[in-house]
């Protein structure tokens, strides 16, 4: 399913379904600290019902499953949801998944204790979504927005790979990251308050193969380039990594979270 949004990549179409297999293999990269911080906030733990928006291949529900919450994952891409179902079934995890856009989710009011959005919050129509989330959340419910990105100005491998993404997708808006709080759109503050946030540094381990796969499974490459462009990028990026990266290395990232609560409930 092609997605076009004037706010993203100057409206260039992208389709996560085109890279679902690589996404499942190479995008499950958040370190244990990332998930432990969520549990330490008292979120996504035993006794809670959690809705994960933009779940992709179910990375967040699958990795948080051990903390005991009941999870529902939704994503606009049927291909991503099929990968999520497959990986969860293989791991013996009872996670419910639905292929539906965040704006079109349909659950009874008060169904969830937590709504999560990892690496996807900027894709949504917040004017439509935020009132829906307000209704879906129980009393004292929380929205947890999560993000992690490589730091191209601090890490040479990340910087060089990002420059190559921009060579092939000049209007890609997913790069040039520096550490900063997650942006919460104005529409959210009509119904919710920001009650907590944090930003912290991480060194994420990769091999040449896994980093190449990670870059491929991005909006600027695998989700949007033509077959001919992908073939060219593949050869050029491999040559780059063989020149600048050891067989195993770490890439500097930062992670961030933001917690929202209904107005008047804190």
Protein backbone atom coordinates (compact mmCIF):
# COMPACT_ATOMS: atom_id res chain seq x y z
CA UNK A 1 0.00 0.00 0.00
CA UNK A 2 1.59 3.25 -1.15
CA UNK A 3 1.46 6.07 1.38
CA UNK A 4 1.87 9.70 0.37
CA UNK A 5 2.04 12.48 2.95
CA UNK A 6 3.19 15.99 2.13
CA UNK A 7 4.75 16.22 5.60
CA UNK A 8 7.06 13.27 4.87
CA UNK A 9 9.77 13.05 2.17
CA UNK A 10 8.12 15.86 0.19
CA UNK A 11 5.21 13.56 -0.54
CA UNK A 12 7.26 10.75 -2.12
CA UNK A 13 5.33 7.47 -1.98
CA UNK A 14 6.53 4.68 0.29
CA UNK A 15 5.22 1.23 1.14
CA UNK A 16 6.43 -0.63 4.22
CA UNK A 17 5.01 -3.82 2.75
CA UNK A 18 7.84 -3.82 0.20
CA UNK A 19 10.41 -4.27 2.93
CA UNK A 20 8.50 -6.34 5.50
CA UNK A 21 10.77 -9.39 5.29
CA UNK A 22 13.88 -7.26 5.81
CA UNK A 23 12.10 -5.22 8.48
CA UNK A 24 11.34 -8.40 10.40
CA UNK A 25 14.93 -9.54 10.12
CA UNK A 26 16.86 -6.33 10.64
CA UNK A 27 14.74 -3.77 12.55
CA UNK A 28 14.46 -5.66 15.85
CA UNK A 29 17.47 -3.80 17.23
CA UNK A 30 16.40 -1.98 20.41
CA UNK A 31 18.67 -2.99 23.31
CA UNK A 32 17.36 -4.45 26.56
CA UNK A 33 17.74 -1.09 28.32
CA UNK A 34 15.11 0.38 25.99
CA UNK A 35 12.47 -2.10 27.12
CA UNK A 36 13.47 -2.09 30.78
CA UNK A 37 12.98 1.68 30.95
CA UNK A 38 9.38 1.19 29.79
CA UNK A 39 8.69 -1.38 32.49
CA UNK A 40 10.39 0.83 35.09
CA UNK A 41 7.83 3.52 34.25
CA UNK A 42 5.13 1.07 35.31
CA UNK A 43 3.88 0.79 31.74
CA UNK A 44 3.22 -2.27 29.56
CA UNK A 45 3.43 -4.63 32.52
CA UNK A 46 1.32 -7.43 33.98
CA UNK A 47 -2.34 -6.56 34.47
CA UNK A 48 -2.40 -3.93 31.72
CA UNK A 49 -4.07 -3.98 28.30
CA UNK A 50 -1.86 -2.25 25.74
CA UNK A 51 -2.61 -1.04 22.21
CA UNK A 52 0.48 -0.65 20.01
CA UNK A 53 -0.09 1.70 17.07
CA UNK A 54 2.08 1.30 13.98
CA UNK A 55 3.28 -2.01 15.36
CA UNK A 56 5.11 -2.99 12.17
CA UNK A 57 6.39 -6.53 12.65
CA UNK A 58 5.39 -6.46 16.31
CA UNK A 59 8.81 -5.50 17.64
CA UNK A 60 7.51 -3.72 20.74
CA UNK A 61 4.83 -6.25 21.79
CA UNK A 62 7.14 -9.20 21.20
CA UNK A 63 10.02 -7.76 23.20
CA UNK A 64 7.79 -6.48 26.01
CA UNK A 65 5.77 -9.70 26.18
CA UNK A 66 7.86 -11.04 29.06
CA UNK A 67 6.66 -8.21 31.30
CA UNK A 68 3.15 -9.68 31.29
CA UNK A 69 0.84 -7.16 29.61
CA UNK A 70 -1.86 -8.19 27.12
CA UNK A 71 -1.04 -6.68 23.74
CA UNK A 72 -2.96 -5.65 20.64
CA UNK A 73 -0.86 -4.45 17.69
CA UNK A 74 -2.22 -2.51 14.70
CA UNK A 75 -0.55 -1.36 11.50
CA UNK A 76 -1.75 0.03 8.17
CA UNK A 77 0.40 -2.49 6.26
CA UNK A 78 -1.05 -6.01 5.91
CA UNK A 79 2.41 -7.33 5.02
CA UNK A 80 3.87 -5.98 8.26
CA UNK A 81 1.01 -7.55 10.24
CA UNK A 82 1.57 -10.92 8.56
CA UNK A 83 5.21 -10.82 9.66
CA UNK A 84 4.14 -9.84 13.18
CA UNK A 85 1.73 -12.75 13.38
CA UNK A 86 4.33 -15.19 12.05
CA UNK A 87 7.08 -14.11 14.44
CA UNK A 88 4.74 -14.06 17.45
CA UNK A 89 3.35 -17.51 16.64
CA UNK A 90 6.85 -18.93 16.26
CA UNK A 91 7.69 -17.57 19.72
CA UNK A 92 4.47 -18.93 21.27
CA UNK A 93 3.17 -15.45 22.08
CA UNK A 94 -0.55 -14.68 22.35
CA UNK A 95 -0.66 -11.23 20.72
CA UNK A 96 -3.64 -9.91 18.75
CA UNK A 97 -2.84 -8.10 15.51
CA UNK A 98 -5.02 -6.15 13.08
CA UNK A 99 -4.20 -4.52 9.75
CA UNK A 100 -5.88 -1.14 10.17
CA UNK A 101 -4.80 2.49 10.19
CA UNK A 102 -4.49 4.15 13.58
CA UNK A 103 -7.27 6.58 12.72
CA UNK A 104 -9.66 3.71 11.93
CA UNK A 105 -9.15 1.49 14.98
CA UNK A 106 -12.46 0.42 16.49
CA UNK A 107 -12.49 -0.75 20.09
CA UNK A 108 -14.97 0.05 22.87
CA UNK A 109 -14.31 3.03 25.11
CA UNK A 110 -12.07 2.25 28.05
CA UNK A 111 -10.44 -0.79 26.43
CA UNK A 112 -6.80 0.02 27.21
CA UNK A 113 -4.52 1.08 30.03
CA UNK A 114 -1.69 2.12 27.71
CA UNK A 115 -1.40 3.13 24.06
CA UNK A 116 2.11 2.92 22.60
CA UNK A 117 3.51 4.39 19.40
CA UNK A 118 7.09 3.43 18.63
CA UNK A 119 8.90 5.03 15.71
CA UNK A 120 5.64 6.10 14.07
CA UNK A 121 3.90 8.97 15.89
CA UNK A 122 4.57 11.54 13.16
CA UNK A 123 2.65 9.51 10.56
CA UNK A 124 -0.76 9.97 12.16
CA UNK A 125 -3.57 12.48 11.66
CA UNK A 126 -3.55 13.70 15.24
CA UNK A 127 -6.68 15.80 14.88
CA UNK A 128 -8.61 12.56 14.26
CA UNK A 129 -6.55 10.26 16.42
CA UNK A 130 -6.19 12.05 19.74
CA UNK A 131 -9.93 12.19 20.59
CA UNK A 132 -10.15 8.49 19.74
CA UNK A 133 -7.25 7.65 22.06
CA UNK A 134 -8.85 9.72 24.80
CA UNK A 135 -11.92 7.51 24.57
CA UNK A 136 -10.00 4.25 24.30
CA UNK A 137 -7.94 4.86 27.43
CA UNK A 138 -9.23 3.93 30.86
CA UNK A 139 -9.02 6.27 33.82
CA UNK A 140 -5.37 7.06 34.55
CA UNK A 141 -4.41 5.58 31.18
CA UNK A 142 -1.24 6.66 29.41
CA UNK A 143 0.07 7.27 25.91
CA UNK A 144 3.72 6.25 25.53
CA UNK A 145 5.56 7.63 22.50
CA UNK A 146 8.91 5.99 21.74
CA UNK A 147 11.77 6.74 19.36
CA UNK A 148 15.32 5.68 18.56
CA UNK A 149 17.62 7.00 15.84
CA UNK A 150 21.23 6.80 14.79
CA UNK A 151 23.34 9.93 15.24
CA UNK A 152 24.92 10.79 11.88
CA UNK A 153 27.00 13.71 13.12
CA UNK A 154 28.57 11.66 15.92
CA UNK A 155 28.98 8.25 14.29
CA UNK A 156 31.02 7.96 11.05
CA UNK A 157 29.36 4.78 9.78
CA UNK A 158 25.88 6.18 10.40
CA UNK A 159 26.87 9.48 8.80
CA UNK A 160 28.26 7.87 5.66
CA UNK A 161 25.26 5.57 5.27
CA UNK A 162 22.90 8.48 5.73
CA UNK A 163 24.64 10.49 3.05
CA UNK A 164 24.08 7.57 0.69
CA UNK A 165 20.39 7.42 1.58
CA UNK A 166 20.13 11.11 0.75
CA UNK A 167 21.92 10.51 -2.54
CA UNK A 168 19.15 8.13 -3.59
CA UNK A 169 16.29 9.89 -1.74
CA UNK A 170 17.21 13.59 -1.52
CA UNK A 171 13.90 14.55 0.10
CA UNK A 172 14.05 11.87 2.79
CA UNK A 173 13.10 13.49 6.11
CA UNK A 174 14.19 10.63 8.37
CA UNK A 175 17.77 11.76 8.85
CA UNK A 176 19.98 14.50 10.24
CA UNK A 177 18.99 13.55 13.78
CA UNK A 178 20.44 15.08 16.94
CA UNK A 179 19.36 14.16 20.44
CA UNK A 180 16.20 16.03 21.45
CA UNK A 181 12.84 15.42 23.15
CA UNK A 182 10.14 13.78 21.07
CA UNK A 183 7.94 16.35 19.34
CA UNK A 184 4.34 16.13 20.50
CA UNK A 185 1.90 17.89 18.15
CA UNK A 186 -0.30 20.70 19.39
CA UNK A 187 -3.48 18.66 18.84
CA UNK A 188 -2.42 16.29 21.62
CA UNK A 189 -2.35 19.04 24.22
CA UNK A 190 -6.03 19.78 23.77
CA UNK A 191 -6.80 16.54 25.63
CA UNK A 192 -3.52 15.37 27.18
CA UNK A 193 -0.65 16.67 29.28
CA UNK A 194 3.00 15.69 28.88
CA UNK A 195 3.91 14.24 32.27
CA UNK A 196 7.32 12.68 31.64
CA UNK A 197 10.05 12.41 29.03
CA UNK A 198 13.66 11.33 28.76
CA UNK A 199 16.40 11.11 26.15
CA UNK A 200 19.49 8.93 26.49
CA UNK A 201 22.43 7.60 24.46
CA UNK A 202 22.89 4.02 23.30
CA UNK A 203 25.57 2.07 21.45
CA UNK A 204 23.77 -0.48 19.29
CA UNK A 205 25.77 -3.49 18.00
CA UNK A 206 25.79 -4.45 14.32
CA UNK A 207 27.62 -6.56 11.78
CA UNK A 208 28.11 -5.30 8.24
CA UNK A 209 25.22 -7.51 7.15
CA UNK A 210 22.83 -6.39 9.89
CA UNK A 211 23.65 -2.70 9.39
CA UNK A 212 23.22 -3.03 5.63
CA UNK A 213 19.86 -4.69 6.30
CA UNK A 214 18.90 -2.01 8.81
CA UNK A 215 19.54 0.74 6.29
CA UNK A 216 17.71 -1.19 3.57
CA UNK A 217 14.66 -1.56 5.81
CA UNK A 218 14.16 2.20 5.97
CA UNK A 219 11.66 4.50 4.33
CA UNK A 220 14.30 6.18 2.20
CA UNK A 221 15.59 2.92 0.69
CA UNK A 222 13.64 -0.34 0.72
CA UNK A 223 10.22 1.19 1.20
CA UNK A 224 10.48 3.69 -1.66
CA UNK A 225 13.19 3.01 -4.26
CA UNK A 226 12.65 1.23 -7.56
CA UNK A 227 14.20 -2.16 -8.23
CA UNK A 228 16.94 -0.63 -10.36
CA UNK A 229 17.71 1.98 -7.72
CA UNK A 230 17.82 -0.68 -5.00
CA UNK A 231 20.28 -2.77 -6.99
CA UNK A 232 22.57 0.22 -7.41
CA UNK A 233 22.28 1.24 -3.75
CA UNK A 234 22.94 -2.33 -2.61
CA UNK A 235 26.27 -2.53 -4.46
CA UNK A 236 27.36 0.96 -3.45
CA UNK A 237 26.47 0.58 0.22
CA UNK A 238 28.19 -2.79 0.52
CA UNK A 239 31.34 -1.30 -1.02
CA UNK A 240 31.14 1.57 1.46
CA UNK A 241 30.83 -0.73 4.47
CA UNK A 242 33.72 -2.91 3.35
CA UNK A 243 35.82 0.24 3.19
CA UNK A 244 34.86 2.01 6.44
CA UNK A 245 33.33 -0.55 8.83
CA UNK A 246 34.86 -3.54 10.63
CA UNK A 247 32.98 -6.84 10.53
CA UNK A 248 31.43 -6.03 13.92
CA UNK A 249 30.87 -2.55 15.35
CA UNK A 250 28.48 -0.36 17.28
CA UNK A 251 26.52 2.63 16.01
CA UNK A 252 25.76 5.59 18.24
CA UNK A 253 22.02 6.15 18.72
CA UNK A 254 19.80 8.06 21.04
CA UNK A 255 16.49 6.85 22.40
CA UNK A 256 13.62 8.89 23.79
CA UNK A 257 10.22 8.50 25.33
CA UNK A 258 7.32 10.81 26.16
CA UNK A 259 4.40 9.96 28.44
CA UNK A 260 1.01 11.64 28.05
CA UNK A 261 -1.91 11.55 30.50
CA UNK A 262 -5.47 12.76 30.17
CA UNK A 263 -5.90 16.33 31.36
CA UNK A 264 -7.01 16.47 34.98
CA UNK A 265 -5.88 12.93 35.82
CA UNK A 266 -2.45 13.72 37.26
